Amino acid sequence: MHDVIALDADDTLWRNEDLYRDTQAEFRALLAHYHDPAWIDARLYEAEVRNLPHFGYGIKAFILSMVETAVELTEGRITGAEIQKVVELGRAMIQAPIELLDGVHETVASLAERHELVIVTKGDLLEQESKVERSGLREHFRGVEIVSRKDRPTYERIARRRGIAPADFVMVGNSLRSDVLPVVAMGGLGVHIPYHTTWAHEEVDEEERARHAYVELRSIRELPDWIASGV
């Protein structure tokens, strides 16, 4: 029986990637008279990846990457009004309501009756704290771990701090690269619940998938039965 279960937040408990993609579509439209859509998307992705070591993950980092991309692609010709529009897109993302995924509320409430639940999410501290509080799920979680990156050393530190043996560490999330494979690598159990869309930086090729043993569920609704099975 698994006494402690860790869950990812974005696109596991509530929608997130859709918000980024919708905002990117508006950003693409803003720059449409400068470049074609594919070129804009490619340059924005390059800026996001390039800025990860400096700005980390989250909406604020995304805003900065959009501003940088807009300046670069227009060779500095973008207007102050257009930059303001980019900032407004980011502000709208921050203020967007939290939309729980199907089955999350009842599943989390049920699991919390029998297990200690912990959120493990990466990104901006203020942004993620706000999402957790606004989600209506906070009361069901014993703790919230907001980290700058999700890798094996990070999960090992969390396990040690919470007194969880690696073999008993269960991590549930939508990203193989961030939520599942690092936990499997340290000897824990990774549960993958795919979301319909994944940021390119989080994608894992089939060869890498085949090298690791993990569980894949179709929905978070299947999680209680899998845990009850004692696998």
Protein backbone atom coordinates (compact mmCIF):
# COMPACT_ATOMS: atom_id res chain seq x y z
CA MET A 1 0.00 0.00 0.00
CA HIS A 2 1.34 3.40 -0.98
CA ASP A 3 0.92 5.82 1.92
CA VAL A 4 2.27 8.87 0.08
CA ILE A 5 1.31 9.76 -3.48
CA ALA A 6 2.80 12.70 -5.34
CA LEU A 7 0.88 14.35 -8.16
CA ASP A 8 1.87 16.86 -10.79
CA ALA A 9 -0.41 19.88 -11.12
CA ASP A 10 -0.40 21.45 -14.60
CA ASP A 11 -2.24 19.24 -17.12
CA THR A 12 -2.60 16.50 -14.51
CA LEU A 13 -4.94 18.25 -12.06
CA TRP A 14 -5.92 21.28 -14.14
CA ARG A 15 -5.61 22.58 -17.69
CA ASN A 16 -2.45 24.50 -18.50
CA GLU A 17 -0.95 23.73 -21.92
CA ASP A 18 -4.16 24.77 -23.68
CA LEU A 19 -3.79 28.22 -22.14
CA TYR A 20 -0.26 28.53 -23.52
CA ARG A 21 -1.30 27.35 -26.96
CA ASP A 22 -4.26 29.76 -27.11
CA THR A 23 -1.98 32.63 -26.07
CA GLN A 24 0.62 31.58 -28.62
CA ALA A 25 -2.06 31.72 -31.31
CA GLU A 26 -2.82 35.33 -30.33
CA PHE A 27 0.90 36.13 -30.30
CA ARG A 28 1.20 34.59 -33.76
CA ALA A 29 -1.65 36.77 -35.01
CA LEU A 30 -0.01 39.86 -33.51
CA LEU A 31 3.14 39.27 -35.55
CA ALA A 32 1.40 37.92 -38.66
CA HIS A 33 2.25 41.00 -40.72
CA TYR A 34 5.95 40.46 -39.97
CA HIS A 35 6.47 36.70 -40.50
CA ASP A 36 4.65 33.47 -41.32
CA PRO A 37 3.15 31.42 -38.44
CA ALA A 38 5.61 28.50 -38.57
CA TRP A 39 8.61 30.82 -38.38
CA ILE A 40 7.12 32.69 -35.42
CA ASP A 41 6.41 29.43 -33.56
CA ALA A 42 9.91 28.11 -34.20
CA ARG A 43 11.64 31.29 -33.00
CA LEU A 44 9.45 31.49 -29.90
CA TYR A 45 10.25 27.89 -28.99
CA GLU A 46 13.96 28.58 -29.43
CA ALA A 47 13.67 31.59 -27.12
CA GLU A 48 11.81 29.56 -24.48
CA VAL A 49 14.42 26.81 -24.42
CA ARG A 50 17.29 29.30 -24.48
CA ASN A 51 15.79 31.18 -21.55
CA LEU A 52 15.02 28.17 -19.34
CA PRO A 53 18.34 28.39 -17.43
CA HIS A 54 17.73 32.09 -16.77
CA PHE A 55 13.96 32.49 -16.29
CA GLY A 56 12.82 28.94 -15.54
CA TYR A 57 9.29 27.74 -16.27
CA GLY A 58 5.97 29.52 -16.05
CA ILE A 59 3.92 32.35 -17.45
CA LYS A 60 6.35 35.14 -16.56
CA ALA A 61 9.15 33.33 -18.38
CA PHE A 62 6.81 32.82 -21.34
CA ILE A 63 6.00 36.55 -21.44
CA LEU A 64 9.69 37.46 -21.49
CA SER A 65 10.32 34.97 -24.30
CA MET A 66 7.43 36.42 -26.30
CA VAL A 67 8.76 39.95 -25.87
CA GLU A 68 12.27 38.87 -26.87
CA THR A 69 10.94 37.01 -29.91
CA ALA A 70 8.79 39.95 -30.96
CA VAL A 71 11.77 42.33 -30.83
CA GLU A 72 14.02 39.92 -32.72
CA LEU A 73 11.54 39.03 -35.46
CA THR A 74 10.66 42.66 -36.12
CA GLU A 75 14.31 43.77 -35.91
CA GLY A 76 13.25 46.25 -33.26
CA ARG A 77 10.38 47.73 -35.29
CA ILE A 78 7.65 46.42 -33.01
CA THR A 79 5.69 49.27 -31.45
CA GLY A 80 5.20 50.03 -27.80
CA ALA A 81 1.49 49.30 -28.23
CA GLU A 82 2.28 45.84 -29.58
CA ILE A 83 4.64 45.13 -26.68
CA GLN A 84 1.88 46.23 -24.33
CA LYS A 85 -0.42 43.73 -26.04
CA VAL A 86 2.08 40.95 -25.33
CA VAL A 87 2.16 41.96 -21.66
CA GLU A 88 -1.63 41.97 -21.58
CA LEU A 89 -1.67 38.45 -23.02
CA GLY A 90 0.54 37.34 -20.15
CA ARG A 91 -1.58 39.10 -17.55
CA ALA A 92 -4.68 37.37 -18.92
CA MET A 93 -2.90 34.02 -18.54
CA ILE A 94 -2.05 34.74 -14.91
CA GLN A 95 -5.62 35.76 -14.13
CA ALA A 96 -7.27 32.90 -16.03
CA PRO A 97 -9.58 30.72 -13.90
CA ILE A 98 -8.36 27.27 -12.87
CA GLU A 99 -10.20 24.56 -14.80
CA LEU A 100 -9.90 21.13 -13.20
CA LEU A 101 -9.59 18.16 -15.53
CA ASP A 102 -12.36 15.59 -15.69
CA GLY A 103 -12.56 13.41 -12.60
CA VAL A 104 -9.89 15.28 -10.64
CA HIS A 105 -11.95 16.68 -7.78
CA GLU A 106 -13.68 13.46 -6.78
CA THR A 107 -10.57 11.33 -7.35
CA VAL A 108 -8.32 13.56 -5.25
CA ALA A 109 -10.91 13.76 -2.47
CA SER A 110 -11.24 9.97 -2.43
CA LEU A 111 -7.48 9.33 -2.42
CA ALA A 112 -6.95 11.84 0.38
CA GLU A 113 -9.13 9.74 2.69
CA ARG A 114 -6.64 6.86 2.55
CA HIS A 115 -3.30 8.36 1.54
CA GLU A 116 -1.09 11.34 2.13
CA LEU A 117 -1.12 13.43 -1.04
CA VAL A 118 1.59 15.85 -2.14
CA ILE A 119 1.66 18.18 -5.13
CA VAL A 120 5.02 18.35 -6.90
CA THR A 121 5.04 21.06 -9.54
CA LYS A 122 7.65 23.20 -11.22
CA GLY A 123 7.55 26.86 -12.13
CA ASP A 124 7.27 30.30 -10.60
CA LEU A 125 6.60 30.15 -6.84
CA LEU A 126 3.92 32.88 -6.73
CA GLU A 127 2.19 31.60 -9.85
CA GLN A 128 2.01 27.98 -8.71
CA GLU A 129 0.98 28.86 -5.16
CA SER A 130 -1.86 30.94 -6.57
CA LYS A 131 -3.01 28.09 -8.81
CA VAL A 132 -3.04 25.62 -5.92
CA GLU A 133 -5.06 27.95 -3.70
CA ARG A 134 -7.54 28.83 -6.46
CA SER A 135 -7.99 25.21 -7.52
CA GLY A 136 -10.11 24.31 -4.51
CA LEU A 137 -7.93 21.23 -3.94
CA ARG A 138 -5.51 22.55 -1.32
CA GLU A 139 -7.31 20.97 1.65
CA HIS A 140 -6.70 17.49 0.23
CA PHE A 141 -2.92 17.81 0.07
CA ARG A 142 -0.56 17.37 2.99
CA GLY A 143 2.14 19.37 1.23
CA VAL A 144 3.05 21.32 -1.90
CA GLU A 145 6.53 21.13 -3.44
CA ILE A 146 7.23 23.90 -5.97
CA VAL A 147 10.56 23.25 -7.65
CA SER A 148 12.64 24.91 -10.36
CA ARG A 149 13.19 21.65 -12.21
CA LYS A 150 12.01 18.06 -12.05
CA ASP A 151 14.96 15.71 -12.26
CA ARG A 152 16.24 12.74 -10.30
CA PRO A 153 18.18 14.79 -7.68
CA THR A 154 15.07 16.90 -7.03
CA TYR A 155 12.86 13.87 -6.44
CA GLU A 156 15.53 12.26 -4.26
CA ARG A 157 15.64 15.38 -2.08
CA ILE A 158 11.86 15.39 -1.76
CA ALA A 159 11.82 11.71 -0.83
CA ARG A 160 14.52 12.16 1.82
CA ARG A 161 12.85 15.21 3.32
CA ARG A 162 9.53 13.41 3.59
CA GLY A 163 11.01 10.13 4.78
CA ILE A 164 9.88 8.15 1.75
CA ALA A 165 11.97 5.22 0.52
CA PRO A 166 12.60 5.52 -3.25
CA ALA A 167 10.78 2.22 -3.87
CA ASP A 168 7.69 3.69 -2.17
CA PHE A 169 7.74 7.00 -4.04
CA VAL A 170 4.78 7.21 -6.44
CA MET A 171 4.67 10.14 -8.87
CA VAL A 172 1.67 10.77 -11.11
CA GLY A 173 1.86 13.20 -14.02
CA ASN A 174 1.34 13.95 -17.68
CA SER A 175 4.99 14.45 -18.62
CA LEU A 176 7.24 11.44 -19.10
CA ARG A 177 10.35 13.62 -19.09
CA SER A 178 9.54 15.58 -15.93
CA ASP A 179 7.10 13.49 -13.89
CA VAL A 180 7.77 9.85 -14.68
CA LEU A 181 11.24 8.92 -15.96
CA PRO A 182 13.26 10.72 -13.24
CA VAL A 183 11.26 8.92 -10.53
CA VAL A 184 11.67 5.57 -12.27
CA ALA A 185 15.42 6.26 -12.54
CA MET A 186 15.71 6.64 -8.77
CA GLY A 187 13.83 3.40 -8.16
CA GLY A 188 10.35 4.82 -7.65
CA LEU A 189 7.03 4.24 -9.39
CA GLY A 190 6.03 6.52 -12.25
CA VAL A 191 2.42 6.79 -13.40
CA HIS A 192 1.85 8.49 -16.74
CA ILE A 193 -1.54 10.00 -17.53
CA PRO A 194 -1.13 11.53 -21.01
CA TYR A 195 -2.63 14.89 -21.84
CA HIS A 196 -3.89 15.51 -25.37
CA THR A 197 -1.08 17.95 -26.07
CA THR A 198 2.49 18.23 -24.79
CA TRP A 199 5.04 21.03 -25.00
CA ALA A 200 7.77 19.97 -27.45
CA HIS A 201 10.46 20.32 -24.76
CA GLU A 202 8.72 17.64 -22.67
CA GLU A 203 8.41 15.04 -25.43
CA VAL A 204 10.26 11.72 -25.20
CA ASP A 205 11.02 9.50 -28.21
CA GLU A 206 9.92 5.88 -28.42
CA GLU A 207 13.43 4.51 -27.90
CA GLU A 208 13.78 6.30 -24.57
CA ARG A 209 10.28 5.24 -23.51
CA ALA A 210 11.16 1.61 -24.16
CA ARG A 211 14.14 1.75 -21.79
CA HIS A 212 11.97 2.47 -18.75
CA ALA A 213 9.22 0.59 -16.94
CA TYR A 214 6.29 2.75 -15.91
CA VAL A 215 2.51 2.61 -15.67
CA GLU A 216 0.24 4.38 -18.13
CA LEU A 217 -3.38 5.17 -17.31
CA ARG A 218 -5.95 6.73 -19.58
CA SER A 219 -7.49 8.96 -16.90
CA ILE A 220 -6.93 10.02 -13.32
CA ARG A 221 -10.19 8.20 -12.60
CA GLU A 222 -8.25 4.92 -13.00
CA LEU A 223 -5.69 5.88 -10.33
CA PRO A 224 -7.57 4.70 -7.18
CA ASP A 225 -8.16 1.21 -8.62
CA TRP A 226 -4.52 0.92 -9.69
CA ILE A 227 -3.34 1.92 -6.23
CA ALA A 228 -5.83 -0.43 -4.57
CA SER A 229 -4.49 -3.29 -6.69
CA GLY A 230 -1.23 -3.02 -4.75
CA VAL A 231 0.92 -3.05 -7.89
